């Protein structure tokens, strides 16, 4: 069964850091672009915004609000990708989703990603 499973979310104070993990089951993650998206409280199910993406050549792209605060990486041996979030703010509170594109497909919009995890909640208090 092909699926993505996220972990590492939690409730933290402003200024803290978290490291989110995404593990792939049933398919490799090292041969496709990967992305992290988030959905803020109150948003509709399909209203997700990009946090970061990582292409197969190692190029990362971050949303402007995350530049300088985030790192995205992958561990090919474990079929896992990571998203490190630093200097967290209350407005970062959201459900964070891992997404995998089909091989050979790249992009930054949610429509470019074929597989999605169930999400991991990040809550930041002031």
PDB file of N, CA and C in Angstrom:
ATOM      1  N   UNK A   1       0.846  -1.184   0.000  1.00  0.00           N
ATOM      2  CA  UNK A   1       0.000   0.000   0.000  1.00  0.00           C
ATOM      3  C   UNK A   1       0.882   1.234   0.000  1.00  0.00           C
ATOM      4  N   UNK A   2       0.659   2.129  -0.945  1.00  0.00           N
ATOM      5  CA  UNK A   2       1.441   3.339  -1.059  1.00  0.00           C
ATOM      6  C   UNK A   2       0.903   4.389  -0.094  1.00  0.00           C
ATOM      7  N   UNK A   3       1.739   4.877   0.770  1.00  0.00           N
ATOM      8  CA  UNK A   3       1.298   5.921   1.680  1.00  0.00           C
ATOM      9  C   UNK A   3       2.478   6.679   2.242  1.00  0.00           C
ATOM     10  N   UNK A   4       2.177   7.868   2.752  1.00  0.00           N
ATOM     11  CA  UNK A   4       3.147   8.724   3.430  1.00  0.00           C
ATOM     12  C   UNK A   4       2.678   8.917   4.862  1.00  0.00           C
ATOM     13  N   UNK A   5       3.602   8.872   5.785  1.00  0.00           N
ATOM     14  CA  UNK A   5       3.265   9.046   7.189  1.00  0.00           C
ATOM     15  C   UNK A   5       4.168  10.120   7.772  1.00  0.00           C
ATOM     16  N   UNK A   6       3.524  11.175   8.293  1.00  0.00           N
ATOM     17  CA  UNK A   6       4.275  12.258   8.931  1.00  0.00           C
ATOM     18  C   UNK A   6       4.350  12.056  10.434  1.00  0.00           C
ATOM     19  N   UNK A   7       5.365  12.630  11.036  1.00  0.00           N
ATOM     20  CA  UNK A   7       5.506  12.637  12.487  1.00  0.00           C
ATOM     21  C   UNK A   7       6.354  13.831  12.882  1.00  0.00           C
ATOM     22  N   UNK A   8       6.383  14.092  14.185  1.00  0.00           N
ATOM     23  CA  UNK A   8       7.258  15.139  14.704  1.00  0.00           C
ATOM     24  C   UNK A   8       6.567  16.423  15.083  1.00  0.00           C
ATOM     25  N   UNK A   9       5.273  16.533  14.808  1.00  0.00           N
ATOM     26  CA  UNK A   9       4.556  17.735  15.221  1.00  0.00           C
ATOM     27  C   UNK A   9       4.382  17.780  16.731  1.00  0.00           C
ATOM     28  N   UNK A  10       3.841  18.876  17.215  1.00  0.00           N
ATOM     29  CA  UNK A  10       3.604  19.001  18.652  1.00  0.00           C
ATOM     30  C   UNK A  10       3.236  20.396  19.029  1.00  0.00           C
ATOM     31  N   UNK A  11       3.114  20.626  20.331  1.00  0.00           N
ATOM     32  CA  UNK A  11       2.789  21.945  20.874  1.00  0.00           C
ATOM     33  C   UNK A  11       4.044  22.535  21.499  1.00  0.00           C
ATOM     34  N   UNK A  12       4.434  23.696  21.023  1.00  0.00           N
ATOM     35  CA  UNK A  12       5.666  24.329  21.495  1.00  0.00           C
ATOM     36  C   UNK A  12       5.432  25.804  21.760  1.00  0.00           C
ATOM     37  N   UNK A  13       6.401  26.405  22.425  1.00  0.00           N
ATOM     38  CA  UNK A  13       6.384  27.849  22.670  1.00  0.00           C
ATOM     39  C   UNK A  13       7.010  28.570  21.475  1.00  0.00           C
ATOM     40  N   UNK A  14       6.619  29.816  21.309  1.00  0.00           N
ATOM     41  CA  UNK A  14       7.215  30.632  20.254  1.00  0.00           C
ATOM     42  C   UNK A  14       8.738  30.660  20.408  1.00  0.00           C
ATOM     43  N   UNK A  15       9.434  30.555  19.288  1.00  0.00           N
ATOM     44  CA  UNK A  15      10.890  30.545  19.295  1.00  0.00           C
ATOM     45  C   UNK A  15      11.495  29.163  19.270  1.00  0.00           C
ATOM     46  N   UNK A  16      10.674  28.160  19.525  1.00  0.00           N
ATOM     47  CA  UNK A  16      11.178  26.783  19.542  1.00  0.00           C
ATOM     48  C   UNK A  16      11.379  26.249  18.123  1.00  0.00           C
ATOM     49  N   UNK A  17      11.926  25.046  18.066  1.00  0.00           N
ATOM     50  CA  UNK A  17      12.147  24.360  16.797  1.00  0.00           C
ATOM     51  C   UNK A  17      11.477  22.992  16.826  1.00  0.00           C
ATOM     52  N   UNK A  18      11.113  22.532  15.649  1.00  0.00           N
ATOM     53  CA  UNK A  18      10.584  21.183  15.497  1.00  0.00           C
ATOM     54  C   UNK A  18      11.185  20.557  14.244  1.00  0.00           C
ATOM     55  N   UNK A  19      11.298  19.251  14.271  1.00  0.00           N
ATOM     56  CA  UNK A  19      11.761  18.518  13.085  1.00  0.00           C
ATOM     57  C   UNK A  19      10.675  17.524  12.687  1.00  0.00           C
ATOM     58  N   UNK A  20      10.065  17.801  11.556  1.00  0.00           N
ATOM     59  CA  UNK A  20       9.023  16.921  11.039  1.00  0.00           C
ATOM     60  C   UNK A  20       9.650  15.866  10.138  1.00  0.00           C
ATOM     61  N   UNK A  21       9.100  14.660  10.204  1.00  0.00           N
ATOM     62  CA  UNK A  21       9.581  13.566   9.365  1.00  0.00           C
ATOM     63  C   UNK A  21       8.439  13.047   8.504  1.00  0.00           C
ATOM     64  N   UNK A  22       8.794  12.559   7.349  1.00  0.00           N
ATOM     65  CA  UNK A  22       7.824  11.944   6.441  1.00  0.00           C
ATOM     66  C   UNK A  22       8.446  10.666   5.909  1.00  0.00           C
ATOM     67  N   UNK A  23       7.778   9.546   6.157  1.00  0.00           N
ATOM     68  CA  UNK A  23       8.279   8.252   5.717  1.00  0.00           C
ATOM     69  C   UNK A  23       7.384   7.694   4.629  1.00  0.00           C
ATOM     70  N   UNK A  24       8.004   7.178   3.580  1.00  0.00           N
ATOM     71  CA  UNK A  24       7.256   6.583   2.496  1.00  0.00           C
ATOM     72  C   UNK A  24       7.140   5.077   2.655  1.00  0.00           C
ATOM     73  N   UNK A  25       5.972   4.548   2.378  1.00  0.00           N
ATOM     74  CA  UNK A  25       5.730   3.102   2.418  1.00  0.00           C
ATOM     75  C   UNK A  25       5.178   2.666   1.066  1.00  0.00           C
ATOM     76  N   UNK A  26       5.802   1.639   0.501  1.00  0.00           N
ATOM     77  CA  UNK A  26       5.308   1.092  -0.753  1.00  0.00           C
ATOM     78  C   UNK A  26       5.896   1.721  -1.997  1.00  0.00           C
ATOM     79  N   UNK A  27       6.701   2.768  -1.837  1.00  0.00           N
ATOM     80  CA  UNK A  27       7.344   3.383  -2.986  1.00  0.00           C
ATOM     81  C   UNK A  27       8.531   4.214  -2.513  1.00  0.00           C
ATOM     82  N   UNK A  28       9.531   4.407  -3.364  1.00  0.00           N
ATOM     83  CA  UNK A  28      10.708   5.169  -2.957  1.00  0.00           C
ATOM     84  C   UNK A  28      10.429   6.664  -3.020  1.00  0.00           C
ATOM     85  N   UNK A  29      11.139   7.401  -2.186  1.00  0.00           N
ATOM     86  CA  UNK A  29      11.003   8.856  -2.195  1.00  0.00           C
ATOM     87  C   UNK A  29      12.195   9.547  -2.846  1.00  0.00           C
ATOM     88  N   UNK A  30      13.244   8.785  -3.141  1.00  0.00           N
ATOM     89  CA  UNK A  30      14.463   9.419  -3.624  1.00  0.00           C
ATOM     90  C   UNK A  30      14.449   9.718  -5.120  1.00  0.00           C
ATOM     91  N   UNK A  31      13.393   9.276  -5.816  1.00  0.00           N
ATOM     92  CA  UNK A  31      13.366   9.468  -7.264  1.00  0.00           C
ATOM     93  C   UNK A  31      12.276  10.437  -7.707  1.00  0.00           C
ATOM     94  N   UNK A  32      11.840  11.279  -6.772  1.00  0.00           N
ATOM     95  CA  UNK A  32      10.746  12.207  -7.099  1.00  0.00           C
ATOM     96  C   UNK A  32      10.872  13.460  -6.258  1.00  0.00           C
ATOM     97  N   UNK A  33      10.229  14.523  -6.742  1.00  0.00           N
ATOM     98  CA  UNK A  33      10.174  15.747  -5.961  1.00  0.00           C
ATOM     99  C   UNK A  33       9.277  15.544  -4.741  1.00  0.00           C
ATOM    100  N   UNK A  34       9.645  16.174  -3.662  1.00  0.00           N
ATOM    101  CA  UNK A  34       8.884  16.102  -2.416  1.00  0.00           C
ATOM    102  C   UNK A  34       8.528  17.506  -1.949  1.00  0.00           C
ATOM    103  N   UNK A  35       7.415  17.594  -1.236  1.00  0.00           N
ATOM    104  CA  UNK A  35       6.992  18.904  -0.739  1.00  0.00           C
ATOM    105  C   UNK A  35       6.389  18.809   0.641  1.00  0.00           C
ATOM    106  N   UNK A  36       6.414  19.927   1.327  1.00  0.00           N
ATOM    107  CA  UNK A  36       5.701  20.091   2.596  1.00  0.00           C
ATOM    108  C   UNK A  36       4.727  21.252   2.415  1.00  0.00           C
ATOM    109  N   UNK A  37       3.498  21.017   2.835  1.00  0.00           N
ATOM    110  CA  UNK A  37       2.466  22.039   2.775  1.00  0.00           C
ATOM    111  C   UNK A  37       1.840  22.180   4.162  1.00  0.00           C
ATOM    112  N   UNK A  38       1.111  23.251   4.351  1.00  0.00           N
ATOM    113  CA  UNK A  38       0.403  23.412   5.617  1.00  0.00           C
ATOM    114  C   UNK A  38      -0.978  23.990   5.369  1.00  0.00           C
ATOM    115  N   UNK A  39      -1.871  23.645   6.278  1.00  0.00           N
ATOM    116  CA  UNK A  39      -3.225  24.188   6.243  1.00  0.00           C
ATOM    117  C   UNK A  39      -3.496  24.822   7.597  1.00  0.00           C
ATOM    118  N   UNK A  40      -3.711  26.098   7.590  1.00  0.00           N
ATOM    119  CA  UNK A  40      -3.947  26.846   8.831  1.00  0.00           C
ATOM    120  C   UNK A  40      -5.341  26.564   9.371  1.00  0.00           C
ATOM    121  N   UNK A  41      -5.557  26.760  10.661  1.00  0.00           N
ATOM    122  CA  UNK A  41      -6.895  26.547  11.248  1.00  0.00           C
ATOM    123  C   UNK A  41      -7.937  27.395  10.558  1.00  0.00           C
ATOM    124  N   UNK A  42      -9.089  26.786  10.299  1.00  0.00           N
ATOM    125  CA  UNK A  42     -10.176  27.510   9.668  1.00  0.00           C
ATOM    126  C   UNK A  42     -10.175  27.459   8.161  1.00  0.00           C
ATOM    127  N   UNK A  43      -9.072  27.010   7.578  1.00  0.00           N
ATOM    128  CA  UNK A  43      -9.021  26.915   6.122  1.00  0.00           C
ATOM    129  C   UNK A  43      -9.725  25.651   5.647  1.00  0.00           C
ATOM    130  N   UNK A  44     -10.202  25.715   4.420  1.00  0.00           N
ATOM    131  CA  UNK A  44     -10.819  24.548   3.820  1.00  0.00           C
ATOM    132  C   UNK A  44      -9.781  23.466   3.563  1.00  0.00           C
ATOM    133  N   UNK A  45     -10.289  22.263   3.335  1.00  0.00           N
ATOM    134  CA  UNK A  45      -9.388  21.114   3.169  1.00  0.00           C
ATOM    135  C   UNK A  45      -8.394  21.324   2.043  1.00  0.00           C
ATOM    136  N   UNK A  46      -8.816  21.977   0.967  1.00  0.00           N
ATOM    137  CA  UNK A  46      -7.937  22.129  -0.186  1.00  0.00           C
ATOM    138  C   UNK A  46      -7.158  23.444  -0.173  1.00  0.00           C
ATOM    139  N   UNK A  47      -7.227  24.173   0.934  1.00  0.00           N
ATOM    140  CA  UNK A  47      -6.495  25.442   1.012  1.00  0.00           C
ATOM    141  C   UNK A  47      -5.176  25.230   1.732  1.00  0.00           C
ATOM    142  N   UNK A  48      -4.257  24.635   1.045  1.00  0.00           N
ATOM    143  CA  UNK A  48      -2.934  24.387   1.598  1.00  0.00           C
ATOM    144  C   UNK A  48      -1.927  25.329   0.947  1.00  0.00           C
ATOM    145  N   UNK A  49      -0.964  25.765   1.710  1.00  0.00           N
ATOM    146  CA  UNK A  49       0.080  26.616   1.160  1.00  0.00           C
ATOM    147  C   UNK A  49       1.423  25.921   1.271  1.00  0.00           C
ATOM    148  N   UNK A  50       2.238  26.169   0.296  1.00  0.00           N
ATOM    149  CA  UNK A  50       3.555  25.549   0.255  1.00  0.00           C
ATOM    150  C   UNK A  50       4.429  26.059   1.384  1.00  0.00           C
ATOM    151  N   UNK A  51       5.120  25.126   2.036  1.00  0.00           N
ATOM    152  CA  UNK A  51       6.165  25.488   2.985  1.00  0.00           C
ATOM    153  C   UNK A  51       7.520  25.359   2.291  1.00  0.00           C
ATOM    154  N   UNK A  52       7.763  24.159   1.719  1.00  0.00           N
ATOM    155  CA  UNK A  52       9.048  23.912   1.069  1.00  0.00           C
ATOM    156  C   UNK A  52       8.916  22.770   0.083  1.00  0.00           C
ATOM    157  N   UNK A  53       9.809  22.747  -0.888  1.00  0.00           N
ATOM    158  CA  UNK A  53       9.889  21.624  -1.813  1.00  0.00           C
ATOM    159  C   UNK A  53      11.343  21.237  -2.009  1.00  0.00           C
ATOM    160  N   UNK A  54      11.557  19.983  -2.366  1.00  0.00           N
ATOM    161  CA  UNK A  54      12.905  19.462  -2.578  1.00  0.00           C
ATOM    162  C   UNK A  54      12.885  18.613  -3.841  1.00  0.00           C
ATOM    163  N   UNK A  55      13.679  19.027  -4.821  1.00  0.00           N
ATOM    164  CA  UNK A  55      13.702  18.291  -6.078  1.00  0.00           C
ATOM    165  C   UNK A  55      14.753  17.193  -6.031  1.00  0.00           C
ATOM    166  N   UNK A  56      14.736  16.341  -7.041  1.00  0.00           N
ATOM    167  CA  UNK A  56      15.653  15.208  -7.061  1.00  0.00           C
ATOM    168  C   UNK A  56      17.114  15.638  -7.208  1.00  0.00           C
ATOM    169  N   UNK A  57      17.353  16.831  -7.726  1.00  0.00           N
ATOM    170  CA  UNK A  57      18.738  17.301  -7.850  1.00  0.00           C
ATOM    171  C   UNK A  57      19.210  18.046  -6.602  1.00  0.00           C
ATOM    172  N   UNK A  58      18.365  18.030  -5.565  1.00  0.00           N
ATOM    173  CA  UNK A  58      18.759  18.646  -4.300  1.00  0.00           C
ATOM    174  C   UNK A  58      18.375  20.096  -4.146  1.00  0.00           C
ATOM    175  N   UNK A  59      17.735  20.665  -5.143  1.00  0.00           N
ATOM    176  CA  UNK A  59      17.311  22.061  -5.062  1.00  0.00           C
ATOM    177  C   UNK A  59      16.116  22.193  -4.120  1.00  0.00           C
ATOM    178  N   UNK A  60      16.214  23.131  -3.195  1.00  0.00           N
ATOM    179  CA  UNK A  60      15.093  23.385  -2.293  1.00  0.00           C
ATOM    180  C   UNK A  60      14.471  24.741  -2.608  1.00  0.00           C
ATOM    181  N   UNK A  61      13.200  24.826  -2.340  1.00  0.00           N
ATOM    182  CA  UNK A  61      12.471  26.085  -2.511  1.00  0.00           C
ATOM    183  C   UNK A  61      11.629  26.286  -1.263  1.00  0.00           C
ATOM    184  N   UNK A  62      11.714  27.473  -0.690  1.00  0.00           N
ATOM    185  CA  UNK A  62      10.938  27.794   0.501  1.00  0.00           C
ATOM    186  C   UNK A  62      10.003  28.949   0.223  1.00  0.00           C
ATOM    187  N   UNK A  63       8.828  28.891   0.837  1.00  0.00           N
ATOM    188  CA  UNK A  63       7.948  30.051   0.812  1.00  0.00           C
ATOM    189  C   UNK A  63       8.659  31.207   1.503  1.00  0.00           C
ATOM    190  N   UNK A  64       8.322  32.428   1.113  1.00  0.00           N
ATOM    191  CA  UNK A  64       9.022  33.597   1.637  1.00  0.00           C
ATOM    192  C   UNK A  64       9.015  33.650   3.166  1.00  0.00           C
ATOM    193  N   UNK A  65       7.902  33.249   3.767  1.00  0.00           N
ATOM    194  CA  UNK A  65       7.797  33.325   5.222  1.00  0.00           C
ATOM    195  C   UNK A  65       8.701  32.338   5.939  1.00  0.00           C
ATOM    196  N   UNK A  66       9.244  31.370   5.168  1.00  0.00           N
ATOM    197  CA  UNK A  66      10.091  30.360   5.784  1.00  0.00           C
ATOM    198  C   UNK A  66      11.562  30.497   5.433  1.00  0.00           C
ATOM    199  N   UNK A  67      11.879  31.407   4.553  1.00  0.00           N
ATOM    200  CA  UNK A  67      13.281  31.566   4.172  1.00  0.00           C
ATOM    201  C   UNK A  67      14.104  31.989   5.380  1.00  0.00           C
ATOM    202  N   UNK A  68      15.146  31.231   5.656  1.00  0.00           N
ATOM    203  CA  UNK A  68      15.994  31.489   6.803  1.00  0.00           C
ATOM    204  C   UNK A  68      15.529  30.803   8.072  1.00  0.00           C
ATOM    205  N   UNK A  69      14.334  30.202   8.035  1.00  0.00           N
ATOM    206  CA  UNK A  69      13.813  29.538   9.235  1.00  0.00           C
ATOM    207  C   UNK A  69      13.620  28.049   9.054  1.00  0.00           C
ATOM    208  N   UNK A  70      13.775  27.556   7.835  1.00  0.00           N
ATOM    209  CA  UNK A  70      13.496  26.155   7.585  1.00  0.00           C
ATOM    210  C   UNK A  70      14.589  25.448   6.807  1.00  0.00           C
ATOM    211  N   UNK A  71      14.643  24.147   7.001  1.00  0.00           N
ATOM    212  CA  UNK A  71      15.570  23.301   6.246  1.00  0.00           C
ATOM    213  C   UNK A  71      14.828  22.045   5.834  1.00  0.00           C
ATOM    214  N   UNK A  72      14.966  21.680   4.570  1.00  0.00           N
ATOM    215  CA  UNK A  72      14.350  20.447   4.090  1.00  0.00           C
ATOM    216  C   UNK A  72      15.433  19.528   3.557  1.00  0.00           C
ATOM    217  N   UNK A  73      15.355  18.252   3.922  1.00  0.00           N
ATOM    218  CA  UNK A  73      16.372  17.304   3.507  1.00  0.00           C
ATOM    219  C   UNK A  73      15.738  15.941   3.319  1.00  0.00           C
ATOM    220  N   UNK A  74      16.514  15.026   2.750  1.00  0.00           N
ATOM    221  CA  UNK A  74      15.999  13.672   2.587  1.00  0.00           C
ATOM    222  C   UNK A  74      17.079  12.660   2.961  1.00  0.00           C
ATOM    223  N   UNK A  75      16.624  11.513   3.435  1.00  0.00           N
ATOM    224  CA  UNK A  75      17.505  10.388   3.733  1.00  0.00           C
ATOM    225  C   UNK A  75      17.063   9.262   2.817  1.00  0.00           C
ATOM    226  N   UNK A  76      17.774   9.110   1.719  1.00  0.00           N
ATOM    227  CA  UNK A  76      17.331   8.153   0.710  1.00  0.00           C
ATOM    228  C   UNK A  76      17.340   6.719   1.214  1.00  0.00           C
ATOM    229  N   UNK A  77      18.266   6.397   2.093  1.00  0.00           N
ATOM    230  CA  UNK A  77      18.336   5.034   2.603  1.00  0.00           C
ATOM    231  C   UNK A  77      17.133   4.643   3.437  1.00  0.00           C
ATOM    232  N   UNK A  78      16.449   5.650   3.981  1.00  0.00           N
ATOM    233  CA  UNK A  78      15.304   5.388   4.853  1.00  0.00           C
ATOM    234  C   UNK A  78      13.980   5.771   4.198  1.00  0.00           C
ATOM    235  N   UNK A  79      14.034   6.198   2.925  1.00  0.00           N
ATOM    236  CA  UNK A  79      12.817   6.676   2.260  1.00  0.00           C
ATOM    237  C   UNK A  79      12.113   7.699   3.158  1.00  0.00           C
ATOM    238  N   UNK A  80      12.845   8.702   3.543  1.00  0.00           N
ATOM    239  CA  UNK A  80      12.327   9.675   4.492  1.00  0.00           C
ATOM    240  C   UNK A  80      12.773  11.076   4.086  1.00  0.00           C
ATOM    241  N   UNK A  81      11.905  12.020   4.307  1.00  0.00           N
ATOM    242  CA  UNK A  81      12.259  13.429   4.149  1.00  0.00           C
ATOM    243  C   UNK A  81      11.973  14.147   5.452  1.00  0.00           C
ATOM    244  N   UNK A  82      12.704  15.231   5.666  1.00  0.00           N
ATOM    245  CA  UNK A  82      12.595  15.968   6.913  1.00  0.00           C
ATOM    246  C   UNK A  82      12.318  17.440   6.620  1.00  0.00           C
ATOM    247  N   UNK A  83      11.656  18.065   7.560  1.00  0.00           N
ATOM    248  CA  UNK A  83      11.456  19.503   7.512  1.00  0.00           C
ATOM    249  C   UNK A  83      11.767  20.050   8.901  1.00  0.00           C
ATOM    250  N   UNK A  84      12.833  20.797   8.985  1.00  0.00           N
ATOM    251  CA  UNK A  84      13.195  21.417  10.264  1.00  0.00           C
ATOM    252  C   UNK A  84      12.660  22.837  10.285  1.00  0.00           C
ATOM    253  N   UNK A  85      11.893  23.133  11.317  1.00  0.00           N
ATOM    254  CA  UNK A  85      11.260  24.447  11.469  1.00  0.00           C
ATOM    255  C   UNK A  85      11.876  25.135  12.670  1.00  0.00           C
ATOM    256  N   UNK A  86      12.424  26.307  12.458  1.00  0.00           N
ATOM    257  CA  UNK A  86      13.078  27.058  13.527  1.00  0.00           C
ATOM    258  C   UNK A  86      12.365  28.378  13.788  1.00  0.00           C
ATOM    259  N   UNK A  87      12.634  28.936  14.952  1.00  0.00           N
ATOM    260  CA  UNK A  87      12.058  30.241  15.330  1.00  0.00           C
ATOM    261  C   UNK A  87      10.554  30.265  15.069  1.00  0.00           C
ATOM    262  N   UNK A  88       9.876  29.255  15.578  1.00  0.00           N
ATOM    263  CA  UNK A  88       8.453  29.123  15.318  1.00  0.00           C
ATOM    264  C   UNK A  88       7.658  30.275  15.926  1.00  0.00           C
ATOM    265  N   UNK A  89       6.589  30.653  15.213  1.00  0.00           N
ATOM    266  CA  UNK A  89       5.724  31.752  15.621  1.00  0.00           C
ATOM    267  C   UNK A  89       4.295  31.219  15.773  1.00  0.00           C
ATOM    268  N   UNK A  90       3.471  31.919  16.571  1.00  0.00           N
ATOM    269  CA  UNK A  90       2.075  31.460  16.709  1.00  0.00           C
ATOM    270  C   UNK A  90       1.361  31.326  15.366  1.00  0.00           C
ATOM    271  N   UNK A  91       1.680  32.189  14.412  1.00  0.00           N
ATOM    272  CA  UNK A  91       1.017  32.116  13.110  1.00  0.00           C
ATOM    273  C   UNK A  91       1.470  30.917  12.279  1.00  0.00           C
ATOM    274  N   UNK A  92       2.465  30.178  12.760  1.00  0.00           N
ATOM    275  CA  UNK A  92       2.866  28.940  12.096  1.00  0.00           C
ATOM    276  C   UNK A  92       1.978  27.764  12.483  1.00  0.00           C
ATOM    277  N   UNK A  93       1.068  27.986  13.433  1.00  0.00           N
ATOM    278  CA  UNK A  93       0.156  26.930  13.844  1.00  0.00           C
ATOM    279  C   UNK A  93      -0.653  26.441  12.652  1.00  0.00           C
ATOM    280  N   UNK A  94      -0.584  25.136  12.381  1.00  0.00           N
ATOM    281  CA  UNK A  94      -1.239  24.568  11.209  1.00  0.00           C
ATOM    282  C   UNK A  94      -1.065  23.059  11.230  1.00  0.00           C
ATOM    283  N   UNK A  95      -1.784  22.406  10.337  1.00  0.00           N
ATOM    284  CA  UNK A  95      -1.532  21.000  10.053  1.00  0.00           C
ATOM    285  C   UNK A  95      -0.520  20.964   8.905  1.00  0.00           C
ATOM    286  N   UNK A  96       0.548  20.216   9.082  1.00  0.00           N
ATOM    287  CA  UNK A  96       1.607  20.143   8.083  1.00  0.00           C
ATOM    288  C   UNK A  96       1.541  18.795   7.364  1.00  0.00           C
ATOM    289  N   UNK A  97       1.555  18.870   6.042  1.00  0.00           N
ATOM    290  CA  UNK A  97       1.405  17.686   5.208  1.00  0.00           C
ATOM    291  C   UNK A  97       2.651  17.462   4.363  1.00  0.00           C
ATOM    292  N   UNK A  98       3.009  16.198   4.243  1.00  0.00           N
ATOM    293  CA  UNK A  98       4.054  15.782   3.321  1.00  0.00           C
ATOM    294  C   UNK A  98       3.395  15.354   2.015  1.00  0.00           C
ATOM    295  N   UNK A  99       4.046  15.656   0.890  1.00  0.00           N
ATOM    296  CA  UNK A  99       3.492  15.298  -0.410  1.00  0.00           C
ATOM    297  C   UNK A  99       4.593  14.817  -1.343  1.00  0.00           C
ATOM    298  N   UNK A 100       4.251  13.852  -2.171  1.00  0.00           N
ATOM    299  CA  UNK A 100       5.203  13.283  -3.126  1.00  0.00           C
ATOM    300  C   UNK A 100       4.661  13.404  -4.541  1.00  0.00           C
ATOM    301  N   UNK A 101       5.504  13.854  -5.442  1.00  0.00           N
ATOM    302  CA  UNK A 101       5.104  13.957  -6.849  1.00  0.00           C
ATOM    303  C   UNK A 101       5.322  12.623  -7.558  1.00  0.00           C
ATOM    304  N   UNK A 102       4.694  12.479  -8.699  1.00  0.00           N
ATOM    305  CA  UNK A 102       5.018  11.337  -9.552  1.00  0.00           C
ATOM    306  C   UNK A 102       6.423  11.541 -10.114  1.00  0.00           C
ATOM    307  N   UNK A 103       7.090  10.447 -10.443  1.00  0.00           N
ATOM    308  CA  UNK A 103       8.437  10.547 -10.987  1.00  0.00           C
ATOM    309  C   UNK A 103       8.424  11.383 -12.270  1.00  0.00           C
ATOM    310  N   UNK A 104       9.361  12.301 -12.335  1.00  0.00           N
ATOM    311  CA  UNK A 104       9.474  13.131 -13.524  1.00  0.00           C
ATOM    312  C   UNK A 104       8.594  14.364 -13.509  1.00  0.00           C
ATOM    313  N   UNK A 105       7.799  14.509 -12.474  1.00  0.00           N
ATOM    314  CA  UNK A 105       6.910  15.669 -12.367  1.00  0.00           C
ATOM    315  C   UNK A 105       7.486  16.613 -11.331  1.00  0.00           C
ATOM    316  N   UNK A 106       7.569  17.873 -11.643  1.00  0.00           N
ATOM    317  CA  UNK A 106       8.035  18.849 -10.684  1.00  0.00           C
ATOM    318  C   UNK A 106       7.081  20.013 -10.609  1.00  0.00           C
ATOM    319  N   UNK A 107       7.113  20.711  -9.510  1.00  0.00           N
ATOM    320  CA  UNK A 107       6.259  21.878  -9.382  1.00  0.00           C
ATOM    321  C   UNK A 107       6.111  22.327  -7.958  1.00  0.00           C
ATOM    322  N   UNK A 108       5.414  23.408  -7.795  1.00  0.00           N
ATOM    323  CA  UNK A 108       5.240  23.993  -6.474  1.00  0.00           C
ATOM    324  C   UNK A 108       3.790  24.060  -6.037  1.00  0.00           C
ATOM    325  N   UNK A 109       2.868  23.764  -6.919  1.00  0.00           N
ATOM    326  CA  UNK A 109       1.463  23.847  -6.523  1.00  0.00           C
ATOM    327  C   UNK A 109       0.985  22.485  -6.047  1.00  0.00           C
ATOM    328  N   UNK A 110      -0.045  22.469  -5.180  1.00  0.00           N
ATOM    329  CA  UNK A 110      -0.538  21.180  -4.661  1.00  0.00           C
ATOM    330  C   UNK A 110      -0.918  20.205  -5.770  1.00  0.00           C
ATOM    331  N   UNK A 111      -1.360  20.719  -6.900  1.00  0.00           N
ATOM    332  CA  UNK A 111      -1.790  19.841  -7.996  1.00  0.00           C
ATOM    333  C   UNK A 111      -0.636  19.053  -8.598  1.00  0.00           C
ATOM    334  N   UNK A 112       0.581  19.474  -8.321  1.00  0.00           N
ATOM    335  CA  UNK A 112       1.754  18.771  -8.845  1.00  0.00           C
ATOM    336  C   UNK A 112       2.103  17.531  -8.036  1.00  0.00           C
ATOM    337  N   UNK A 113       1.429  17.333  -6.902  1.00  0.00           N
ATOM    338  CA  UNK A 113       1.768  16.226  -6.011  1.00  0.00           C
ATOM    339  C   UNK A 113       0.652  15.197  -5.987  1.00  0.00           C
ATOM    340  N   UNK A 114       1.046  13.926  -6.187  1.00  0.00           N
ATOM    341  CA  UNK A 114       0.056  12.865  -6.329  1.00  0.00           C
ATOM    342  C   UNK A 114      -0.263  12.154  -5.028  1.00  0.00           C
ATOM    343  N   UNK A 115       0.681  12.162  -4.106  1.00  0.00           N
ATOM    344  CA  UNK A 115       0.510  11.408  -2.857  1.00  0.00           C
ATOM    345  C   UNK A 115       0.629  12.365  -1.672  1.00  0.00           C
ATOM    346  N   UNK A 116      -0.257  12.174  -0.702  1.00  0.00           N
ATOM    347  CA  UNK A 116      -0.294  13.036   0.476  1.00  0.00           C
ATOM    348  C   UNK A 116      -0.403  12.198   1.738  1.00  0.00           C
ATOM    349  N   UNK A 117       0.267  12.677   2.801  1.00  0.00           N
ATOM    350  CA  UNK A 117       0.096  12.051   4.095  1.00  0.00           C
ATOM    351  C   UNK A 117      -1.127  12.608   4.805  1.00  0.00           C
ATOM    352  N   UNK A 118      -1.361  12.125   6.024  1.00  0.00           N
ATOM    353  CA  UNK A 118      -2.511  12.565   6.811  1.00  0.00           C
ATOM    354  C   UNK A 118      -2.229  13.844   7.589  1.00  0.00           C
ATOM    355  N   UNK A 119      -0.969  14.202   7.683  1.00  0.00           N
ATOM    356  CA  UNK A 119      -0.623  15.450   8.338  1.00  0.00           C
ATOM    357  C   UNK A 119      -0.173  15.264   9.772  1.00  0.00           C
ATOM    358  N   UNK A 120       0.582  16.226  10.245  1.00  0.00           N
ATOM    359  CA  UNK A 120       0.991  16.279  11.646  1.00  0.00           C
ATOM    360  C   UNK A 120       0.769  17.704  12.143  1.00  0.00           C
ATOM    361  N   UNK A 121       0.153  17.822  13.309  1.00  0.00           N
ATOM    362  CA  UNK A 121      -0.256  19.141  13.823  1.00  0.00           C
ATOM    363  C   UNK A 121       0.915  19.854  14.503  1.00  0.00           C
ATOM    364  N   UNK A 122       1.083  21.108  14.172  1.00  0.00           N
ATOM    365  CA  UNK A 122       2.044  21.980  14.849  1.00  0.00           C
ATOM    366  C   UNK A 122       1.256  23.120  15.482  1.00  0.00           C
ATOM    367  N   UNK A 123       1.414  23.269  16.785  1.00  0.00           N
ATOM    368  CA  UNK A 123       0.743  24.336  17.516  1.00  0.00           C
ATOM    369  C   UNK A 123       1.795  25.154  18.253  1.00  0.00           C
ATOM    370  N   UNK A 124       1.805  26.452  18.005  1.00  0.00           N
ATOM    371  CA  UNK A 124       2.797  27.338  18.606  1.00  0.00           C
ATOM    372  C   UNK A 124       2.069  28.363  19.461  1.00  0.00           C
ATOM    373  N   UNK A 125       2.427  28.414  20.725  1.00  0.00           N
ATOM    374  CA  UNK A 125       1.805  29.363  21.638  1.00  0.00           C
ATOM    375  C   UNK A 125       2.772  30.503  21.946  1.00  0.00           C
ATOM    376  N   UNK A 126       2.192  31.640  22.254  1.00  0.00           N
ATOM    377  CA  UNK A 126       3.030  32.823  22.514  1.00  0.00           C
ATOM    378  C   UNK A 126       3.483  32.897  23.965  1.00  0.00           C
TER     379      UNK A 126
END
